[in-house]
Amino acid sequence: MEPKPVNSYVIAEVGQAHEGSLGNAHAFIDLVKACGADAVKFQMHFADIESGPEETWRVNFSYQDHMRYDYWKRIEFTPEQWLNLKKHCDDIGIDFICSAFSQAAAELLVKMQVHTFKVASGEIDNFLFLDFLADHAQHVILSTGMSDIEEIKEAHGRLQKKVQTSILQCTTKYPAALSEIGINNIKLIASECRPDQVGLSDHSGLVTPAFYAHAFGARIFENHICFDKSQFGPDTSSSLNPTQFRELVCGLEQCDELAEKEVAKTKALFTENRARFGKTLTFKKTLAEGHVIKPDDLETRKPAGLGLHPSKYQQILGQKLIKGVKAGDFVTNKMVGVI
C-alpha cells in the first residue's frame, strides 16, 4: 500500500470485532469496501506466544473467557484462514493491514506478502519487533497512544532509514472524549519526527475529529468499525457504524478537495459577478439643475457599471448639477461633469 501524497487514506479497524468468527471477519471486509475505506485492518494474536496467566483484563467484558489468554485463544485464526482473508481483500480491491502482536505473527504476515504493518501503541518501545519490521515491511504505521514525543522519535528513528514510516496521534482510551483526542500533537509529531505521513487513530466513536485533524495536516485516518452500536465487543463504544463511516469517507474526500484546490484572490476571477452584484451611484431625489450635491442626495443601486462607482461619491459632493435629474437616475459624468 502506498499512501496517497495528497488524498486521505482511510483505514477501517476491525480488530477483534469478529469475535473469532471467520464468517464475521469476511463480512467485515465486505462492509469496509461498501463504506468506501481504502483498507481494512485486523489484529493477529497467538495466545500461546503473547499471553499467559499473568495477563490481566483491562476491562473484563467477556461472558465466557475466564482469563485474557482464553479470549485471545478464542479469537485466533489459522494461517490458512488469515491467507483467505487477505485474498478476499485482494479480490475486491481493498488493502489488507494487520497489527502483529508477536514476532511469529509478523513472520506469518511477511509470508502472506502483507506490505503494511500497524504497530500498536503498546509495541512502540519493542525494539526487537521494530527492527524486524524495518527489515521486512514496506510501510510501517506507528500508533502513539501511550508514548511521549521522545519515545516516538526513537521508534521512528529505528524505522525511517529502512522503511516508509507514518505516525498516528492516538489516545488509548475506549471511548476517548473529544477533550482527550489531542489534535495539536499532529503538528508536533510532524515537526519533531518528519515522518512520511501523519494521521489520527481515533477512538471517539465520532466522525468530527478526523475532519479537524485533516486541517492540521493528517492524511491517514484509522477508526474502528462495527455493524451496529449495540454489537457486543470491547471496542464498540469507540467504533463508527456504517452510516458514520460513510460520512467519514465522504467528508474526508471533501476535505481533500478543499485542501488541494487553491483559488487565487484576484479581481479578474470575479469580473462578471462584480458587475452583477456591485452597485452604481444613483440620485435619491428629483433635483433641479444647479443643485449642490450633498450626501443625502445619493443612493446606490444594482448593477454596477451604469454610471459612477460608489467609491467616487466624495468627488462629486459640493458640485452643481449640470442638468436636472430624477429620483433613481444613475449618476454620470454628463450630470456632474467633474470626473
C-alpha atoms as a PDB file:
ATOM      1  CA  MET A   1       0.000   0.000   0.000  1.00  0.00           C
ATOM      2  CA  GLU A   2       1.312   3.428  -0.993  1.00  0.00           C
ATOM      3  CA  PRO A   3      -0.484   6.200   0.914  1.00  0.00           C
ATOM      4  CA  LYS A   4      -1.667   8.885  -1.454  1.00  0.00           C
ATOM      5  CA  PRO A   5       0.501  12.019  -1.206  1.00  0.00           C
ATOM      6  CA  VAL A   6      -2.425  14.418  -1.058  1.00  0.00           C
ATOM      7  CA  ASN A   7      -5.608  12.426  -0.630  1.00  0.00           C
ATOM      8  CA  SER A   8      -6.664  10.911   2.658  1.00  0.00           C
ATOM      9  CA  TYR A   9      -6.117   7.223   3.311  1.00  0.00           C
ATOM     10  CA  VAL A  10      -8.876   5.689   5.436  1.00  0.00           C
ATOM     11  CA  ILE A  11      -8.363   2.525   7.465  1.00  0.00           C
ATOM     12  CA  ALA A  12     -11.309   0.683   8.990  1.00  0.00           C
ATOM     13  CA  GLU A  13     -10.169  -1.109  12.132  1.00  0.00           C
ATOM     14  CA  VAL A  14     -11.996  -4.386  12.729  1.00  0.00           C
ATOM     15  CA  GLY A  15      -9.640  -5.520  15.458  1.00  0.00           C
ATOM     16  CA  GLN A  16     -11.322  -8.411  17.253  1.00  0.00           C
ATOM     17  CA  ALA A  17     -14.888  -7.312  16.496  1.00  0.00           C
ATOM     18  CA  HIS A  18     -15.318 -10.553  14.542  1.00  0.00           C
ATOM     19  CA  GLU A  19     -15.295 -12.396  17.926  1.00  0.00           C
ATOM     20  CA  GLY A  20     -13.409 -15.318  16.420  1.00  0.00           C
ATOM     21  CA  SER A  21     -15.996 -15.911  13.713  1.00  0.00           C
ATOM     22  CA  LEU A  22     -14.396 -16.336  10.297  1.00  0.00           C
ATOM     23  CA  GLY A  23     -17.725 -15.537   8.663  1.00  0.00           C
ATOM     24  CA  ASN A  24     -17.967 -12.282  10.571  1.00  0.00           C
ATOM     25  CA  ALA A  25     -14.413 -11.374   9.566  1.00  0.00           C
ATOM     26  CA  HIS A  26     -15.244 -11.830   5.883  1.00  0.00           C
ATOM     27  CA  ALA A  27     -18.484  -9.882   6.353  1.00  0.00           C
ATOM     28  CA  PHE A  28     -16.497  -7.003   7.823  1.00  0.00           C
ATOM     29  CA  ILE A  29     -14.289  -6.919   4.728  1.00  0.00           C
ATOM     30  CA  ASP A  30     -17.346  -6.500   2.518  1.00  0.00           C
ATOM     31  CA  LEU A  31     -18.736  -3.832   4.846  1.00  0.00           C
ATOM     32  CA  VAL A  32     -15.497  -1.852   4.787  1.00  0.00           C
ATOM     33  CA  LYS A  33     -15.443  -1.963   0.992  1.00  0.00           C
ATOM     34  CA  ALA A  34     -19.064  -0.796   0.832  1.00  0.00           C
ATOM     35  CA  CYS A  35     -18.251   2.118   3.148  1.00  0.00           C
ATOM     36  CA  GLY A  36     -15.529   3.344   0.782  1.00  0.00           C
ATOM     37  CA  ALA A  37     -12.484   2.870   3.018  1.00  0.00           C
ATOM     38  CA  ASP A  38      -9.074   2.216   1.495  1.00  0.00           C
ATOM     39  CA  ALA A  39      -8.067  -0.553   3.877  1.00  0.00           C
ATOM     40  CA  VAL A  40      -9.367  -2.977   6.462  1.00  0.00           C
ATOM     41  CA  LYS A  41      -7.227  -3.673   9.500  1.00  0.00           C
ATOM     42  CA  PHE A  42      -7.199  -6.737  11.702  1.00  0.00           C
ATOM     43  CA  GLN A  43      -5.162  -7.749  14.730  1.00  0.00           C
ATOM     44  CA  MET A  44      -3.233 -11.022  14.694  1.00  0.00           C
ATOM     45  CA  HIS A  45      -2.977 -12.660  18.109  1.00  0.00           C
ATOM     46  CA  PHE A  46      -1.446 -16.019  19.038  1.00  0.00           C
ATOM     47  CA  ALA A  47      -2.372 -16.679  22.652  1.00  0.00           C
ATOM     48  CA  ASP A  48       0.360 -19.223  23.395  1.00  0.00           C
ATOM     49  CA  ILE A  49       3.077 -16.774  22.355  1.00  0.00           C
ATOM     50  CA  GLU A  50       1.919 -13.406  23.613  1.00  0.00           C
ATOM     51  CA  SER A  51      -0.184 -14.164  26.679  1.00  0.00           C
ATOM     52  CA  GLY A  52      -0.414 -16.297  29.812  1.00  0.00           C
ATOM     53  CA  PRO A  53      -1.956 -16.375  33.276  1.00  0.00           C
ATOM     54  CA  GLU A  54      -0.063 -13.201  34.213  1.00  0.00           C
ATOM     55  CA  GLU A  55      -2.008 -11.043  31.770  1.00  0.00           C
ATOM     56  CA  THR A  56      -4.880  -9.259  33.487  1.00  0.00           C
ATOM     57  CA  TRP A  57      -8.054  -7.849  31.988  1.00  0.00           C
ATOM     58  CA  ARG A  58      -8.142  -4.164  31.126  1.00  0.00           C
ATOM     59  CA  VAL A  59     -11.928  -4.445  31.236  1.00  0.00           C
ATOM     60  CA  ASN A  60     -13.464  -7.854  31.869  1.00  0.00           C
ATOM     61  CA  PHE A  61     -16.126  -7.639  29.195  1.00  0.00           C
ATOM     62  CA  SER A  62     -16.332 -11.334  28.284  1.00  0.00           C
ATOM     63  CA  TYR A  63     -19.143 -13.624  29.352  1.00  0.00           C
ATOM     64  CA  GLN A  64     -17.207 -16.773  28.524  1.00  0.00           C
ATOM     65  CA  ASP A  65     -13.471 -16.181  28.943  1.00  0.00           C
ATOM     66  CA  HIS A  66     -12.020 -16.568  32.429  1.00  0.00           C
ATOM     67  CA  MET A  67      -8.642 -15.070  31.545  1.00  0.00           C
ATOM     68  CA  ARG A  68      -7.361 -12.714  28.882  1.00  0.00           C
ATOM     69  CA  TYR A  69      -5.471 -15.701  27.475  1.00  0.00           C
ATOM     70  CA  ASP A  70      -8.788 -17.519  26.936  1.00  0.00           C
ATOM     71  CA  TYR A  71     -10.080 -14.587  24.932  1.00  0.00           C
ATOM     72  CA  TRP A  72      -7.001 -14.408  22.704  1.00  0.00           C
ATOM     73  CA  LYS A  73      -7.225 -18.153  22.146  1.00  0.00           C
ATOM     74  CA  ARG A  74     -10.893 -17.995  21.216  1.00  0.00           C
ATOM     75  CA  ILE A  75     -10.463 -15.318  18.559  1.00  0.00           C
ATOM     76  CA  GLU A  76      -7.443 -16.881  16.817  1.00  0.00           C
ATOM     77  CA  PHE A  77      -7.497 -17.767  13.121  1.00  0.00           C
ATOM     78  CA  THR A  78      -5.267 -20.336  11.450  1.00  0.00           C
ATOM     79  CA  PRO A  79      -2.617 -19.269   8.906  1.00  0.00           C
ATOM     80  CA  GLU A  80      -4.808 -20.617   6.116  1.00  0.00           C
ATOM     81  CA  GLN A  81      -7.786 -18.592   7.351  1.00  0.00           C
ATOM     82  CA  TRP A  82      -5.675 -15.450   7.518  1.00  0.00           C
ATOM     83  CA  LEU A  83      -4.489 -16.070   3.977  1.00  0.00           C
ATOM     84  CA  ASN A  84      -8.092 -16.374   2.796  1.00  0.00           C
ATOM     85  CA  LEU A  85      -8.997 -13.115   4.493  1.00  0.00           C
ATOM     86  CA  LYS A  86      -6.188 -11.349   2.667  1.00  0.00           C
ATOM     87  CA  LYS A  87      -7.231 -12.973  -0.606  1.00  0.00           C
ATOM     88  CA  HIS A  88     -10.771 -11.679  -0.062  1.00  0.00           C
ATOM     89  CA  CYS A  89      -9.346  -8.163   0.260  1.00  0.00           C
ATOM     90  CA  ASP A  90      -7.215  -8.590  -2.855  1.00  0.00           C
ATOM     91  CA  ASP A  91     -10.206  -9.890  -4.830  1.00  0.00           C
ATOM     92  CA  ILE A  92     -12.429  -6.886  -4.068  1.00  0.00           C
ATOM     93  CA  GLY A  93      -9.676  -4.257  -4.271  1.00  0.00           C
ATOM     94  CA  ILE A  94      -9.133  -3.202  -0.681  1.00  0.00           C
ATOM     95  CA  ASP A  95      -5.858  -3.172   1.250  1.00  0.00           C
ATOM     96  CA  PHE A  96      -5.278  -5.719   3.995  1.00  0.00           C
ATOM     97  CA  ILE A  97      -3.444  -4.285   7.004  1.00  0.00           C
ATOM     98  CA  CYS A  98      -2.723  -6.075  10.229  1.00  0.00           C
ATOM     99  CA  SER A  99      -1.271  -5.358  13.642  1.00  0.00           C
ATOM    100  CA  ALA A 100       1.031  -8.189  14.660  1.00  0.00           C
ATOM    101  CA  PHE A 101       1.301  -8.761  18.396  1.00  0.00           C
ATOM    102  CA  SER A 102       4.231 -11.169  18.260  1.00  0.00           C
ATOM    103  CA  GLN A 103       7.189 -11.773  16.023  1.00  0.00           C
ATOM    104  CA  ALA A 104       5.582 -15.051  14.956  1.00  0.00           C
ATOM    105  CA  ALA A 105       2.554 -13.076  13.767  1.00  0.00           C
ATOM    106  CA  ALA A 106       4.808 -10.642  11.930  1.00  0.00           C
ATOM    107  CA  GLU A 107       6.648 -13.527  10.266  1.00  0.00           C
ATOM    108  CA  LEU A 108       3.364 -15.026   9.091  1.00  0.00           C
ATOM    109  CA  LEU A 109       2.282 -11.674   7.662  1.00  0.00           C
ATOM    110  CA  VAL A 110       5.548 -11.390   5.772  1.00  0.00           C
ATOM    111  CA  LYS A 111       4.953 -14.846   4.276  1.00  0.00           C
ATOM    112  CA  MET A 112       1.452 -13.665   3.304  1.00  0.00           C
ATOM    113  CA  GLN A 113       3.100 -10.764   1.429  1.00  0.00           C
ATOM    114  CA  VAL A 114       1.451  -8.137   3.592  1.00  0.00           C
ATOM    115  CA  HIS A 115       3.254  -4.864   2.921  1.00  0.00           C
ATOM    116  CA  THR A 116       1.810  -2.512   5.545  1.00  0.00           C
ATOM    117  CA  PHE A 117       2.145  -3.212   9.264  1.00  0.00           C
ATOM    118  CA  LYS A 118       0.428  -1.284  12.033  1.00  0.00           C
ATOM    119  CA  VAL A 119       2.382  -1.058  15.276  1.00  0.00           C
ATOM    120  CA  ALA A 120       0.035  -0.847  18.246  1.00  0.00           C
ATOM    121  CA  SER A 121       0.675   1.743  20.947  1.00  0.00           C
ATOM    122  CA  GLY A 122       1.978  -0.830  23.412  1.00  0.00           C
ATOM    123  CA  GLU A 123       4.652  -2.063  20.972  1.00  0.00           C
ATOM    124  CA  ILE A 124       6.360   1.241  20.212  1.00  0.00           C
ATOM    125  CA  ASP A 125       9.309   0.504  22.520  1.00  0.00           C
ATOM    126  CA  ASN A 126       9.602  -3.163  21.480  1.00  0.00           C
ATOM    127  CA  PHE A 127      12.847  -2.679  19.574  1.00  0.00           C
ATOM    128  CA  LEU A 128      13.245  -6.365  18.753  1.00  0.00           C
ATOM    129  CA  PHE A 129       9.913  -6.180  16.978  1.00  0.00           C
ATOM    130  CA  LEU A 130      10.551  -2.803  15.323  1.00  0.00           C
ATOM    131  CA  ASP A 131      13.909  -3.903  13.961  1.00  0.00           C
ATOM    132  CA  PHE A 132      12.282  -6.971  12.407  1.00  0.00           C
ATOM    133  CA  LEU A 133       9.679  -4.771  10.709  1.00  0.00           C
ATOM    134  CA  ALA A 134      12.373  -2.399   9.466  1.00  0.00           C
ATOM    135  CA  ASP A 135      13.977  -5.311   7.652  1.00  0.00           C
ATOM    136  CA  HIS A 136      10.821  -6.876   6.218  1.00  0.00           C
ATOM    137  CA  ALA A 137       7.995  -4.329   5.835  1.00  0.00           C
ATOM    138  CA  GLN A 138       7.439  -1.806   3.074  1.00  0.00           C
ATOM    139  CA  HIS A 139       5.384   0.563   5.212  1.00  0.00           C
ATOM    140  CA  VAL A 140       5.004   0.790   8.975  1.00  0.00           C
ATOM    141  CA  ILE A 141       2.294   2.837  10.696  1.00  0.00           C
ATOM    142  CA  LEU A 142       3.159   3.734  14.288  1.00  0.00           C
ATOM    143  CA  SER A 143       0.409   4.373  16.800  1.00  0.00           C
ATOM    144  CA  THR A 144       1.401   6.600  19.719  1.00  0.00           C
ATOM    145  CA  GLY A 145      -1.358   6.299  22.319  1.00  0.00           C
ATOM    146  CA  MET A 146       0.956   5.574  25.259  1.00  0.00           C
ATOM    147  CA  SER A 147       4.150   7.388  24.220  1.00  0.00           C
ATOM    148  CA  ASP A 148       5.717  10.794  24.708  1.00  0.00           C
ATOM    149  CA  ILE A 149       7.421  12.624  21.867  1.00  0.00           C
ATOM    150  CA  GLU A 150      10.910  11.340  22.742  1.00  0.00           C
ATOM    151  CA  GLU A 151       9.772   7.708  22.597  1.00  0.00           C
ATOM    152  CA  ILE A 152       8.040   8.394  19.297  1.00  0.00           C
ATOM    153  CA  LYS A 153      11.198   9.952  17.858  1.00  0.00           C
ATOM    154  CA  GLU A 154      13.293   6.999  18.983  1.00  0.00           C
ATOM    155  CA  ALA A 155      10.937   4.434  17.445  1.00  0.00           C
ATOM    156  CA  HIS A 156      10.675   6.421  14.245  1.00  0.00           C
ATOM    157  CA  GLY A 157      14.452   6.714  14.073  1.00  0.00           C
ATOM    158  CA  ARG A 158      14.832   2.945  14.122  1.00  0.00           C
ATOM    159  CA  LEU A 159      12.493   2.592  11.159  1.00  0.00           C
ATOM    160  CA  GLN A 160      12.849   5.598   8.879  1.00  0.00           C
ATOM    161  CA  LYS A 161      16.230   4.695   7.386  1.00  0.00           C
ATOM    162  CA  LYS A 162      14.906   1.398   6.050  1.00  0.00           C
ATOM    163  CA  VAL A 163      11.150   1.643   5.602  1.00  0.00           C
ATOM    164  CA  GLN A 164       8.410   4.129   4.801  1.00  0.00           C
ATOM    165  CA  THR A 165       7.016   5.255   8.147  1.00  0.00           C
ATOM    166  CA  SER A 166       3.809   7.020   9.125  1.00  0.00           C
ATOM    167  CA  ILE A 167       2.868   8.138  12.637  1.00  0.00           C
ATOM    168  CA  LEU A 168      -0.639   8.431  14.077  1.00  0.00           C
ATOM    169  CA  GLN A 169      -1.694  10.564  17.004  1.00  0.00           C
ATOM    170  CA  CYS A 170      -3.712   8.278  19.255  1.00  0.00           C
ATOM    171  CA  THR A 171      -5.403   8.287  22.661  1.00  0.00           C
ATOM    172  CA  THR A 172      -5.524   4.880  24.303  1.00  0.00           C
ATOM    173  CA  LYS A 173      -8.972   5.182  25.810  1.00  0.00           C
ATOM    174  CA  TYR A 174     -12.168   3.490  24.672  1.00  0.00           C
ATOM    175  CA  PRO A 175     -14.027   5.678  24.021  1.00  0.00           C
ATOM    176  CA  ALA A 176     -11.911   8.830  24.143  1.00  0.00           C
ATOM    177  CA  ALA A 177     -13.606  12.128  24.928  1.00  0.00           C
ATOM    178  CA  LEU A 178     -13.129  14.997  22.499  1.00  0.00           C
ATOM    179  CA  SER A 179     -11.046  16.806  25.112  1.00  0.00           C
ATOM    180  CA  GLU A 180      -8.625  13.865  25.108  1.00  0.00           C
ATOM    181  CA  ILE A 181      -8.053  13.471  21.344  1.00  0.00           C
ATOM    182  CA  GLY A 182      -5.014  15.781  21.213  1.00  0.00           C
ATOM    183  CA  ILE A 183      -5.248  17.002  17.626  1.00  0.00           C
ATOM    184  CA  ASN A 184      -2.469  19.500  18.413  1.00  0.00           C
ATOM    185  CA  ASN A 185       0.008  16.618  18.603  1.00  0.00           C
ATOM    186  CA  ILE A 186      -0.329  16.008  14.872  1.00  0.00           C
ATOM    187  CA  LYS A 187       1.653  19.169  14.161  1.00  0.00           C
ATOM    188  CA  LEU A 188       4.093  18.335  16.963  1.00  0.00           C
ATOM    189  CA  ILE A 189       4.770  14.863  15.533  1.00  0.00           C
ATOM    190  CA  ALA A 190       5.132  16.271  12.021  1.00  0.00           C
ATOM    191  CA  SER A 191       7.675  18.893  13.075  1.00  0.00           C
ATOM    192  CA  GLU A 192       9.668  16.776  15.539  1.00  0.00           C
ATOM    193  CA  CYS A 193       9.769  13.468  13.645  1.00  0.00           C
ATOM    194  CA  ARG A 194       9.170  14.410   9.999  1.00  0.00           C
ATOM    195  CA  PRO A 195       7.539  11.083   9.086  1.00  0.00           C
ATOM    196  CA  ASP A 196       6.374  10.265   5.577  1.00  0.00           C
ATOM    197  CA  GLN A 197       2.833  10.998   6.716  1.00  0.00           C
ATOM    198  CA  VAL A 198       0.981  11.849   9.902  1.00  0.00           C
ATOM    199  CA  GLY A 199      -2.514  10.842  10.843  1.00  0.00           C
ATOM    200  CA  LEU A 200      -5.073  10.117  13.523  1.00  0.00           C
ATOM    201  CA  SER A 201      -6.104   6.857  15.125  1.00  0.00           C
ATOM    202  CA  ASP A 202      -9.392   7.881  16.694  1.00  0.00           C
ATOM    203  CA  HIS A 203     -11.328   6.115  19.452  1.00  0.00           C
ATOM    204  CA  SER A 204     -14.025   8.731  19.994  1.00  0.00           C
ATOM    205  CA  GLY A 205     -16.782   6.959  18.060  1.00  0.00           C
ATOM    206  CA  LEU A 206     -17.415  10.250  16.220  1.00  0.00           C
ATOM    207  CA  VAL A 207     -16.560  11.486  12.713  1.00  0.00           C
ATOM    208  CA  THR A 208     -15.673  15.106  13.517  1.00  0.00           C
ATOM    209  CA  PRO A 209     -12.134  14.590  14.958  1.00  0.00           C
ATOM    210  CA  ALA A 210     -10.916  13.327  11.581  1.00  0.00           C
ATOM    211  CA  PHE A 211     -12.089  16.466   9.785  1.00  0.00           C
ATOM    212  CA  TYR A 212     -10.366  18.715  12.309  1.00  0.00           C
ATOM    213  CA  ALA A 213      -7.225  16.567  12.134  1.00  0.00           C
ATOM    214  CA  HIS A 214      -7.203  16.952   8.344  1.00  0.00           C
ATOM    215  CA  ALA A 215      -6.855  20.712   8.784  1.00  0.00           C
ATOM    216  CA  PHE A 216      -3.777  20.038  10.958  1.00  0.00           C
ATOM    217  CA  GLY A 217      -2.133  18.010   8.189  1.00  0.00           C
ATOM    218  CA  ALA A 218      -3.349  14.479   8.945  1.00  0.00           C
ATOM    219  CA  ARG A 219      -3.740  12.274   5.871  1.00  0.00           C
ATOM    220  CA  ILE A 220      -4.052   8.764   7.358  1.00  0.00           C
ATOM    221  CA  PHE A 221      -7.187   8.082   9.358  1.00  0.00           C
ATOM    222  CA  GLU A 222      -7.960   4.968  11.358  1.00  0.00           C
ATOM    223  CA  ASN A 223     -11.322   4.380  13.004  1.00  0.00           C
ATOM    224  CA  HIS A 224     -12.877   1.259  14.469  1.00  0.00           C
ATOM    225  CA  ILE A 225     -15.936  -0.028  12.624  1.00  0.00           C
ATOM    226  CA  CYS A 226     -18.944  -2.010  13.807  1.00  0.00           C
ATOM    227  CA  PHE A 227     -22.158  -3.219  12.216  1.00  0.00           C
ATOM    228  CA  ASP A 228     -24.222  -1.634  14.966  1.00  0.00           C
ATOM    229  CA  LYS A 229     -23.531   0.324  18.152  1.00  0.00           C
ATOM    230  CA  SER A 230     -25.310  -2.367  20.162  1.00  0.00           C
ATOM    231  CA  GLN A 231     -22.923  -5.055  18.896  1.00  0.00           C
ATOM    232  CA  PHE A 232     -21.005  -6.987  21.581  1.00  0.00           C
ATOM    233  CA  GLY A 233     -17.317  -6.259  21.921  1.00  0.00           C
ATOM    234  CA  PRO A 234     -14.732  -4.194  23.824  1.00  0.00           C
ATOM    235  CA  ASP A 235     -14.327  -1.567  21.094  1.00  0.00           C
ATOM    236  CA  THR A 236     -17.945  -0.992  20.070  1.00  0.00           C
ATOM    237  CA  SER A 237     -18.302   2.219  22.070  1.00  0.00           C
ATOM    238  CA  SER A 238     -15.319   3.691  20.231  1.00  0.00           C
ATOM    239  CA  SER A 239     -16.414   2.483  16.773  1.00  0.00           C
ATOM    240  CA  LEU A 240     -18.272   4.051  13.870  1.00  0.00           C
ATOM    241  CA  ASN A 241     -21.356   2.355  12.478  1.00  0.00           C
ATOM    242  CA  PRO A 242     -21.711   2.019   8.671  1.00  0.00           C
ATOM    243  CA  THR A 243     -23.597   5.310   8.297  1.00  0.00           C
ATOM    244  CA  GLN A 244     -20.955   7.168  10.266  1.00  0.00           C
ATOM    245  CA  PHE A 245     -18.146   5.504   8.347  1.00  0.00           C
ATOM    246  CA  ARG A 246     -19.627   6.560   5.009  1.00  0.00           C
ATOM    247  CA  GLU A 247     -19.915  10.097   6.382  1.00  0.00           C
ATOM    248  CA  LEU A 248     -16.250   9.914   7.379  1.00  0.00           C
ATOM    249  CA  VAL A 249     -15.088   8.811   3.926  1.00  0.00           C
ATOM    250  CA  CYS A 250     -17.277  11.341   2.114  1.00  0.00           C
ATOM    251  CA  GLY A 251     -16.255  14.159   4.452  1.00  0.00           C
ATOM    252  CA  LEU A 252     -12.554  13.431   4.049  1.00  0.00           C
ATOM    253  CA  GLU A 253     -12.918  13.422   0.270  1.00  0.00           C
ATOM    254  CA  GLN A 254     -14.397  16.901   0.584  1.00  0.00           C
ATOM    255  CA  CYS A 255     -11.583  17.942   2.936  1.00  0.00           C
ATOM    256  CA  ASP A 256      -9.074  16.720   0.342  1.00  0.00           C
ATOM    257  CA  GLU A 257     -10.694  18.837  -2.340  1.00  0.00           C
ATOM    258  CA  LEU A 258     -10.763  21.881  -0.074  1.00  0.00           C
ATOM    259  CA  ALA A 259      -7.067  21.434   0.737  1.00  0.00           C
ATOM    260  CA  GLU A 260      -5.977  20.700  -2.835  1.00  0.00           C
ATOM    261  CA  LYS A 261      -7.854  23.308  -4.856  1.00  0.00           C
ATOM    262  CA  GLU A 262      -6.231  26.712  -4.463  1.00  0.00           C
ATOM    263  CA  VAL A 263      -8.190  29.755  -5.589  1.00  0.00           C
ATOM    264  CA  ALA A 264      -6.313  32.948  -6.415  1.00  0.00           C
ATOM    265  CA  LYS A 265      -7.748  36.035  -4.751  1.00  0.00           C
ATOM    266  CA  THR A 266      -7.674  38.199  -7.910  1.00  0.00           C
ATOM    267  CA  LYS A 267     -10.268  40.640  -9.199  1.00  0.00           C
ATOM    268  CA  ALA A 268     -10.184  39.156 -12.708  1.00  0.00           C
ATOM    269  CA  LEU A 269     -11.875  35.964 -11.473  1.00  0.00           C
ATOM    270  CA  PHE A 270     -14.892  37.881 -10.268  1.00  0.00           C
ATOM    271  CA  THR A 271     -15.459  40.414 -13.070  1.00  0.00           C
ATOM    272  CA  GLU A 272     -18.860  39.080 -14.110  1.00  0.00           C
ATOM    273  CA  ASN A 273     -20.181  38.704 -10.570  1.00  0.00           C
ATOM    274  CA  ARG A 274     -18.778  42.065  -9.517  1.00  0.00           C
ATOM    275  CA  ALA A 275     -20.833  43.681 -12.259  1.00  0.00           C
ATOM    276  CA  ARG A 276     -23.928  41.702 -11.312  1.00  0.00           C
ATOM    277  CA  PHE A 277     -23.740  42.199  -7.547  1.00  0.00           C
ATOM    278  CA  GLY A 278     -21.969  45.556  -7.467  1.00  0.00           C
ATOM    279  CA  LYS A 279     -23.757  48.911  -7.491  1.00  0.00           C
ATOM    280  CA  THR A 280     -23.768  52.274  -9.255  1.00  0.00           C
ATOM    281  CA  LEU A 281     -24.294  55.680  -7.668  1.00  0.00           C
ATOM    282  CA  THR A 282     -27.865  56.939  -8.076  1.00  0.00           C
ATOM    283  CA  PHE A 283     -29.787  60.021  -7.087  1.00  0.00           C
ATOM    284  CA  LYS A 284     -32.156  59.501  -4.194  1.00  0.00           C
ATOM    285  CA  LYS A 285     -34.318  62.525  -5.093  1.00  0.00           C
ATOM    286  CA  THR A 286     -35.540  64.568  -8.004  1.00  0.00           C
ATOM    287  CA  LEU A 287     -33.193  67.534  -8.156  1.00  0.00           C
ATOM    288  CA  ALA A 288     -33.074  70.701 -10.234  1.00  0.00           C
ATOM    289  CA  GLU A 289     -30.235  71.963 -12.430  1.00  0.00           C
ATOM    290  CA  GLY A 290     -27.660  73.838 -10.331  1.00  0.00           C
ATOM    291  CA  HIS A 291     -28.392  71.923  -7.143  1.00  0.00           C
ATOM    292  CA  VAL A 292     -25.311  71.477  -4.942  1.00  0.00           C
ATOM    293  CA  ILE A 293     -24.877  67.780  -4.316  1.00  0.00           C
ATOM    294  CA  LYS A 294     -24.961  66.607  -0.660  1.00  0.00           C
ATOM    295  CA  PRO A 295     -24.502  63.097   0.782  1.00  0.00           C
ATOM    296  CA  ASP A 296     -28.230  62.855   1.473  1.00  0.00           C
ATOM    297  CA  ASP A 297     -28.923  63.222  -2.262  1.00  0.00           C
ATOM    298  CA  LEU A 298     -27.181  59.969  -3.117  1.00  0.00           C
ATOM    299  CA  GLU A 299     -28.031  56.263  -3.041  1.00  0.00           C
ATOM    300  CA  THR A 300     -26.648  53.151  -4.752  1.00  0.00           C
ATOM    301  CA  ARG A 301     -28.402  50.550  -6.912  1.00  0.00           C
ATOM    302  CA  LYS A 302     -27.548  47.399  -8.851  1.00  0.00           C
ATOM    303  CA  PRO A 303     -25.988  46.652 -11.276  1.00  0.00           C
ATOM    304  CA  ALA A 304     -22.507  48.114 -11.385  1.00  0.00           C
ATOM    305  CA  GLY A 305     -21.069  49.948 -14.379  1.00  0.00           C
ATOM    306  CA  LEU A 306     -24.041  52.085 -15.443  1.00  0.00           C
ATOM    307  CA  GLY A 307     -22.534  55.280 -14.092  1.00  0.00           C
ATOM    308  CA  LEU A 308     -20.124  56.398 -11.405  1.00  0.00           C
ATOM    309  CA  HIS A 309     -18.824  53.812  -8.922  1.00  0.00           C
ATOM    310  CA  PRO A 310     -19.894  54.329  -5.277  1.00  0.00           C
ATOM    311  CA  SER A 311     -16.224  54.708  -4.301  1.00  0.00           C
ATOM    312  CA  LYS A 312     -16.184  58.066  -6.154  1.00  0.00           C
ATOM    313  CA  TYR A 313     -19.089  59.664  -4.300  1.00  0.00           C
ATOM    314  CA  GLN A 314     -16.894  62.110  -2.325  1.00  0.00           C
ATOM    315  CA  GLN A 315     -15.562  63.580  -5.554  1.00  0.00           C
ATOM    316  CA  ILE A 316     -18.970  64.905  -6.557  1.00  0.00           C
ATOM    317  CA  LEU A 317     -20.036  66.298  -3.192  1.00  0.00           C
ATOM    318  CA  GLY A 318     -20.332  70.101  -3.380  1.00  0.00           C
ATOM    319  CA  GLN A 319     -20.586  70.056  -7.191  1.00  0.00           C
ATOM    320  CA  LYS A 320     -23.500  71.666  -9.036  1.00  0.00           C
ATOM    321  CA  LEU A 321     -25.740  69.586 -11.274  1.00  0.00           C
ATOM    322  CA  ILE A 322     -25.291  70.412 -14.951  1.00  0.00           C
ATOM    323  CA  LYS A 323     -28.891  69.395 -15.568  1.00  0.00           C
ATOM    324  CA  GLY A 324     -31.873  68.285 -13.557  1.00  0.00           C
ATOM    325  CA  VAL A 325     -32.241  64.636 -12.520  1.00  0.00           C
ATOM    326  CA  LYS A 326     -34.996  62.311 -11.365  1.00  0.00           C
ATOM    327  CA  ALA A 327     -35.007  60.066  -8.324  1.00  0.00           C
ATOM    328  CA  GLY A 328     -33.382  56.778  -9.318  1.00  0.00           C
ATOM    329  CA  ASP A 329     -31.247  58.173 -12.148  1.00  0.00           C
ATOM    330  CA  PHE A 330     -27.725  56.756 -12.293  1.00  0.00           C
ATOM    331  CA  VAL A 331     -25.042  59.373 -11.635  1.00  0.00           C
ATOM    332  CA  THR A 332     -22.921  60.001 -14.747  1.00  0.00           C
ATOM    333  CA  ASN A 333     -20.228  62.460 -15.824  1.00  0.00           C
ATOM    334  CA  LYS A 334     -22.740  64.247 -18.030  1.00  0.00           C
ATOM    335  CA  MET A 335     -24.709  65.197 -14.923  1.00  0.00           C
ATOM    336  CA  VAL A 336     -21.854  66.404 -12.726  1.00  0.00           C
ATOM    337  CA  GLY A 337     -19.007  66.996 -15.181  1.00  0.00           C
ATOM    338  CA  VAL A 338     -16.107  66.575 -12.769  1.00  0.00           C
ATOM    339  CA  ILE A 339     -14.756  63.041 -13.282  1.00  0.00           C
END
